[in-house]
């Protein structure tokens, strides 16, 4: 599974922006045929994304293509156009049911078999952005080809009639629902976009809060946001060192036949060990 601390959206019809994105050291680049492409630019976005997949070396950055939502009328042409050029993953927006994920899964599997690629080598990431999507997370998140769930805060707020606020309290239940579904199915949870891309202080606060909730990464829409988000979702040296101490002392404690024990004035037990292991896994980019 690719490490996705920062997932950057690029308009699928903008060749200049896509070529710029590969210089940013971003974890995932999502070339967009949905909201990032105007209605009269959908076909151009497909062709530009195909060209990018054919001609550009994305280096260590994951290359993703976001199709239009299932039921939009564009989704089948979108996915069939880009699959032969082997993106690392397909992003499906506004997912509300397991069947919508499975529809894409069958098409992707057909492409893998046709081209002789390893099965499950092209992964699916989904956007959950509506009340119905949140209610159906238990079934949706169980799909075997799924790698990550991306929470769409603006669309979700609109779907429930909420007013968006700076501290995003109106999104907290849904954000936590996404995190729980991802944790239960070993998926990555990708947090909301900070719309005001010039306010890096607000971005830092929101990113650190999202990381604290349990998100593994965040969506971004501007190059200026890359470094702040990557820093927020990368454990600090102090956090890594503390996690290593917990893992090491826990192993020693177990060999001595002890259960919970004290470290730096705090009781250490199994839940804290698991938390420390997750910090080290995140630090390793897993």
Protein backbone atom coordinates (compact mmCIF):
# COMPACT_ATOMS: atom_id res chain seq x y z
CA UNK A 1 0.00 0.00 0.00
CA UNK A 2 1.44 3.37 -1.03
CA UNK A 3 2.04 5.94 1.71
CA UNK A 4 -0.47 8.77 1.13
CA UNK A 5 0.25 11.64 3.48
CA UNK A 6 -0.58 14.24 0.83
CA UNK A 7 -2.93 13.51 -2.06
CA UNK A 8 -2.75 16.34 -4.61
CA UNK A 9 -5.55 16.95 -7.13
CA UNK A 10 -4.62 18.21 -10.58
CA UNK A 11 -7.21 19.22 -13.23
CA UNK A 12 -7.09 16.39 -15.74
CA UNK A 13 -7.12 18.74 -18.73
CA UNK A 14 -4.20 20.89 -17.53
CA UNK A 15 -0.97 19.45 -18.92
CA UNK A 16 1.15 22.25 -17.44
CA UNK A 17 -0.12 21.64 -13.89
CA UNK A 18 0.27 17.86 -14.19
CA UNK A 19 3.89 18.19 -15.34
CA UNK A 20 4.53 20.67 -12.50
CA UNK A 21 3.08 18.24 -9.94
CA UNK A 22 5.83 15.64 -10.46
CA UNK A 23 8.45 18.15 -9.22
CA UNK A 24 6.80 18.62 -5.83
CA UNK A 25 7.78 15.38 -4.05
CA UNK A 26 4.12 14.74 -3.28
CA UNK A 27 2.99 11.25 -2.22
CA UNK A 28 0.02 10.88 -4.59
CA UNK A 29 -0.99 12.82 -7.70
CA UNK A 30 -4.65 12.51 -8.64
CA UNK A 31 -5.42 13.62 -12.18
CA UNK A 32 -9.06 14.61 -12.14
CA UNK A 33 -11.83 14.05 -14.65
CA UNK A 34 -14.58 14.93 -12.16
CA UNK A 35 -14.87 18.28 -10.35
CA UNK A 36 -11.51 19.44 -11.68
CA UNK A 37 -12.68 19.29 -15.30
CA UNK A 38 -15.51 21.40 -16.73
CA UNK A 39 -18.35 19.60 -18.52
CA UNK A 40 -17.02 20.69 -21.92
CA UNK A 41 -13.49 19.55 -20.96
CA UNK A 42 -14.22 15.94 -19.92
CA UNK A 43 -12.97 14.38 -23.18
CA UNK A 44 -9.89 16.62 -23.15
CA UNK A 45 -9.17 15.58 -19.55
CA UNK A 46 -9.26 11.91 -20.56
CA UNK A 47 -6.82 12.49 -23.41
CA UNK A 48 -4.46 14.60 -21.30
CA UNK A 49 -4.39 11.99 -18.52
CA UNK A 50 -3.68 9.24 -21.07
CA UNK A 51 -0.79 11.33 -22.41
CA UNK A 52 0.55 11.87 -18.88
CA UNK A 53 0.40 8.15 -18.07
CA UNK A 54 2.17 7.37 -21.36
CA UNK A 55 4.86 10.05 -21.32
CA UNK A 56 5.58 11.23 -17.76
CA UNK A 57 7.83 9.52 -15.23
CA UNK A 58 6.03 10.13 -11.94
CA UNK A 59 9.03 8.91 -9.95
CA UNK A 60 8.10 7.99 -6.38
CA UNK A 61 4.72 9.74 -6.64
CA UNK A 62 1.67 7.52 -6.94
CA UNK A 63 -0.28 8.23 -10.14
CA UNK A 64 -4.07 8.16 -9.77
CA UNK A 65 -6.97 9.00 -12.09
CA UNK A 66 -10.29 10.22 -10.69
CA UNK A 67 -13.25 9.26 -12.84
CA UNK A 68 -16.70 10.82 -12.72
CA UNK A 69 -19.20 9.38 -10.25
CA UNK A 70 -21.06 6.16 -10.99
CA UNK A 71 -24.36 7.18 -12.57
CA UNK A 72 -23.01 10.40 -14.08
CA UNK A 73 -22.96 8.91 -17.57
CA UNK A 74 -19.22 9.58 -17.99
CA UNK A 75 -17.81 6.97 -15.64
CA UNK A 76 -17.57 4.00 -18.04
CA UNK A 77 -15.79 5.98 -20.77
CA UNK A 78 -13.48 7.51 -18.13
CA UNK A 79 -12.30 4.25 -16.61
CA UNK A 80 -12.01 2.40 -19.92
CA UNK A 81 -9.99 5.26 -21.43
CA UNK A 82 -7.27 5.38 -18.76
CA UNK A 83 -6.94 1.74 -17.65
CA UNK A 84 -4.83 0.53 -20.62
CA UNK A 85 -2.14 3.04 -19.56
CA UNK A 86 -1.93 1.49 -16.10
CA UNK A 87 -2.45 4.11 -13.41
CA UNK A 88 -1.55 2.96 -9.90
CA UNK A 89 -5.14 3.43 -8.86
CA UNK A 90 -8.59 4.63 -9.84
CA UNK A 91 -10.38 7.14 -7.61
CA UNK A 92 -14.19 6.92 -7.58
CA UNK A 93 -15.97 9.96 -6.13
CA UNK A 94 -19.29 10.12 -4.27
CA UNK A 95 -19.52 6.40 -3.54
CA UNK A 96 -22.69 5.33 -1.75
CA UNK A 97 -22.73 1.53 -2.10
CA UNK A 98 -20.56 -1.58 -2.26
CA UNK A 99 -21.94 -2.26 -5.75
CA UNK A 100 -20.42 0.95 -7.13
CA UNK A 101 -16.97 -0.15 -5.96
CA UNK A 102 -17.55 -3.65 -7.31
CA UNK A 103 -18.55 -2.27 -10.72
CA UNK A 104 -15.13 -0.64 -11.02
CA UNK A 105 -13.39 -3.69 -9.52
CA UNK A 106 -14.75 -5.98 -12.25
CA UNK A 107 -13.65 -3.61 -15.03
CA UNK A 108 -10.17 -3.24 -13.52
CA UNK A 109 -9.79 -6.99 -13.10
CA UNK A 110 -10.74 -7.45 -16.75
CA UNK A 111 -7.98 -5.02 -17.77
CA UNK A 112 -5.42 -6.78 -15.57
CA UNK A 113 -6.28 -10.15 -17.09
CA UNK A 114 -6.29 -8.74 -20.62
CA UNK A 115 -2.85 -7.13 -20.26
CA UNK A 116 -1.26 -9.86 -18.15
CA UNK A 117 -0.78 -7.57 -15.15
CA UNK A 118 -0.80 -8.99 -11.60
CA UNK A 119 -4.30 -9.19 -10.15
CA UNK A 120 -5.07 -6.40 -7.68
CA UNK A 121 -2.09 -4.37 -8.90
CA UNK A 122 -4.40 -1.45 -9.74
CA UNK A 123 -6.09 -0.35 -6.55
CA UNK A 124 -9.30 1.58 -5.86
CA UNK A 125 -9.62 4.67 -3.72
CA UNK A 126 -13.08 6.07 -3.10
CA UNK A 127 -14.57 9.37 -2.08
CA UNK A 128 -17.32 9.15 0.55
CA UNK A 129 -19.07 12.49 0.49
CA UNK A 130 -22.76 12.02 1.31
CA UNK A 131 -25.02 10.98 4.15
CA UNK A 132 -25.86 7.73 2.36
CA UNK A 133 -22.18 6.97 1.83
CA UNK A 134 -21.45 7.41 5.54
CA UNK A 135 -24.40 5.17 6.51
CA UNK A 136 -23.22 2.43 4.14
CA UNK A 137 -19.54 2.52 5.15
CA UNK A 138 -19.62 -0.89 6.83
CA UNK A 139 -20.42 -2.65 3.54
CA UNK A 140 -18.45 -0.29 1.27
CA UNK A 141 -15.20 -0.58 3.25
CA UNK A 142 -15.17 -4.38 3.02
CA UNK A 143 -14.40 -4.46 -0.73
CA UNK A 144 -11.14 -6.42 -1.23
CA UNK A 145 -9.69 -4.10 -3.88
CA UNK A 146 -10.12 -0.98 -1.80
CA UNK A 147 -6.99 0.83 -0.55
CA UNK A 148 -8.26 4.10 0.88
CA UNK A 149 -11.34 6.14 1.70
CA UNK A 150 -11.21 9.87 1.00
CA UNK A 151 -13.66 11.98 2.99
CA UNK A 152 -15.24 14.87 1.09
CA UNK A 153 -16.15 17.43 3.73
CA UNK A 154 -17.68 20.13 1.54
CA UNK A 155 -19.99 17.75 -0.32
CA UNK A 156 -20.94 15.99 2.91
CA UNK A 157 -21.87 19.25 4.63
CA UNK A 158 -24.05 20.13 1.65
CA UNK A 159 -25.68 16.69 1.69
CA UNK A 160 -26.85 17.11 5.30
CA UNK A 161 -27.55 20.84 5.18
CA UNK A 162 -24.73 21.76 7.57
CA UNK A 163 -22.93 25.09 7.64
CA UNK A 164 -19.18 24.69 7.28
CA UNK A 165 -17.19 26.22 10.12
CA UNK A 166 -13.48 26.82 10.64
CA UNK A 167 -13.17 24.12 13.31
CA UNK A 168 -15.28 21.66 11.24
CA UNK A 169 -17.26 20.43 14.26
CA UNK A 170 -20.17 19.67 11.90
CA UNK A 171 -17.99 17.04 10.17
CA UNK A 172 -16.61 15.29 13.23
CA UNK A 173 -19.05 12.35 13.33
CA UNK A 174 -18.55 11.57 9.64
CA UNK A 175 -14.76 11.96 9.80
CA UNK A 176 -14.60 9.53 12.71
CA UNK A 177 -16.94 7.13 10.91
CA UNK A 178 -14.50 7.05 7.98
CA UNK A 179 -11.54 6.47 10.30
CA UNK A 180 -13.31 3.59 12.09
CA UNK A 181 -14.31 1.91 8.81
CA UNK A 182 -10.75 2.23 7.51
CA UNK A 183 -9.16 0.94 10.71
CA UNK A 184 -11.48 -2.07 10.74
CA UNK A 185 -10.53 -2.98 7.16
CA UNK A 186 -6.83 -1.98 7.10
CA UNK A 187 -7.44 0.94 4.73
CA UNK A 188 -5.95 4.42 4.63
CA UNK A 189 -8.22 7.28 5.68
CA UNK A 190 -7.67 10.55 3.79
CA UNK A 191 -8.98 13.74 5.40
CA UNK A 192 -10.75 16.86 4.09
CA UNK A 193 -9.39 19.62 1.88
CA UNK A 194 -8.44 22.96 3.43
CA UNK A 195 -10.10 25.21 0.85
CA UNK A 196 -8.22 28.41 1.72
CA UNK A 197 -4.89 27.26 0.32
CA UNK A 198 -3.15 30.54 1.23
CA UNK A 199 -3.81 30.13 4.98
CA UNK A 200 -0.99 27.76 5.91
CA UNK A 201 -1.52 28.26 9.65
CA UNK A 202 -5.11 27.02 9.36
CA UNK A 203 -3.86 24.15 7.19
CA UNK A 204 -1.30 23.17 9.84
CA UNK A 205 -3.89 23.19 12.63
CA UNK A 206 -6.41 21.21 10.57
CA UNK A 207 -3.76 18.72 9.42
CA UNK A 208 -2.46 18.08 12.94
CA UNK A 209 -6.02 17.66 14.21
CA UNK A 210 -6.79 15.18 11.41
CA UNK A 211 -3.61 13.22 12.14
CA UNK A 212 -4.59 13.15 15.80
CA UNK A 213 -8.02 11.76 14.91
CA UNK A 214 -6.35 8.87 13.09
CA UNK A 215 -6.30 9.95 9.44
CA UNK A 216 -3.25 8.74 7.53
CA UNK A 217 -3.21 11.64 5.07
CA UNK A 218 -4.99 14.66 3.65
CA UNK A 219 -6.25 15.95 0.32
CA UNK A 220 -4.55 19.04 -1.07
CA UNK A 221 -5.33 21.36 -3.95
CA UNK A 222 -2.24 23.59 -4.19
CA UNK A 223 1.54 23.02 -4.24
CA UNK A 224 1.96 25.36 -1.23
CA UNK A 225 0.09 22.83 0.90
CA UNK A 226 2.40 19.87 0.25
CA UNK A 227 5.10 20.41 2.87
CA UNK A 228 2.76 21.43 5.71
CA UNK A 229 0.59 18.35 5.22
CA UNK A 230 3.50 15.93 4.86
CA UNK A 231 5.05 17.29 8.06
CA UNK A 232 1.78 16.95 9.98
CA UNK A 233 1.32 13.32 8.95
CA UNK A 234 4.95 12.31 9.56
CA UNK A 235 5.76 11.43 13.19
CA UNK A 236 8.34 13.70 14.84
CA UNK A 237 11.76 12.40 15.88
CA UNK A 238 10.61 12.60 19.51
CA UNK A 239 7.47 10.57 18.78
CA UNK A 240 9.50 7.94 16.91
CA UNK A 241 12.06 7.68 19.70
CA UNK A 242 9.33 7.32 22.33
CA UNK A 243 7.53 4.67 20.28
CA UNK A 244 10.77 2.70 19.91
CA UNK A 245 11.30 2.81 23.68
CA UNK A 246 7.80 1.49 24.29
CA UNK A 247 8.28 -1.39 21.84
CA UNK A 248 11.68 -2.31 23.27
CA UNK A 249 10.69 -2.08 26.94
CA UNK A 250 7.42 -3.92 26.30
CA UNK A 251 9.32 -6.87 24.82
CA UNK A 252 11.67 -6.91 27.81
CA UNK A 253 8.73 -6.71 30.20
CA UNK A 254 7.02 -9.67 28.50
CA UNK A 255 10.17 -11.79 28.79
CA UNK A 256 10.21 -11.07 32.51
CA UNK A 257 6.61 -12.24 32.76
CA UNK A 258 5.21 -8.79 33.57
CA UNK A 259 1.98 -7.33 32.22
CA UNK A 260 1.54 -3.59 32.46
CA UNK A 261 4.61 -1.65 33.62
CA UNK A 262 5.72 1.94 34.22
CA UNK A 263 7.72 4.03 31.73
CA UNK A 264 8.42 7.71 32.35
CA UNK A 265 5.70 7.78 34.99
CA UNK A 266 3.01 6.29 32.72
CA UNK A 267 1.52 2.81 32.71
CA UNK A 268 2.28 0.93 29.50
CA UNK A 269 0.02 -1.89 28.32
CA UNK A 270 -1.12 -3.51 25.07
CA UNK A 271 -3.16 -0.57 23.65
CA UNK A 272 -0.15 1.75 24.06
CA UNK A 273 2.09 -0.84 22.40
CA UNK A 274 -0.25 -0.97 19.38
CA UNK A 275 -0.27 2.82 19.21
CA UNK A 276 3.55 2.87 19.28
CA UNK A 277 3.70 0.27 16.51
CA UNK A 278 1.42 2.42 14.36
CA UNK A 279 3.68 5.44 14.88
CA UNK A 280 6.68 3.40 13.69
CA UNK A 281 4.73 2.03 10.71
CA UNK A 282 3.71 5.55 9.71
CA UNK A 283 7.31 6.74 10.08
CA UNK A 284 8.40 3.93 7.76
CA UNK A 285 5.81 5.02 5.19
CA UNK A 286 3.64 1.91 5.58
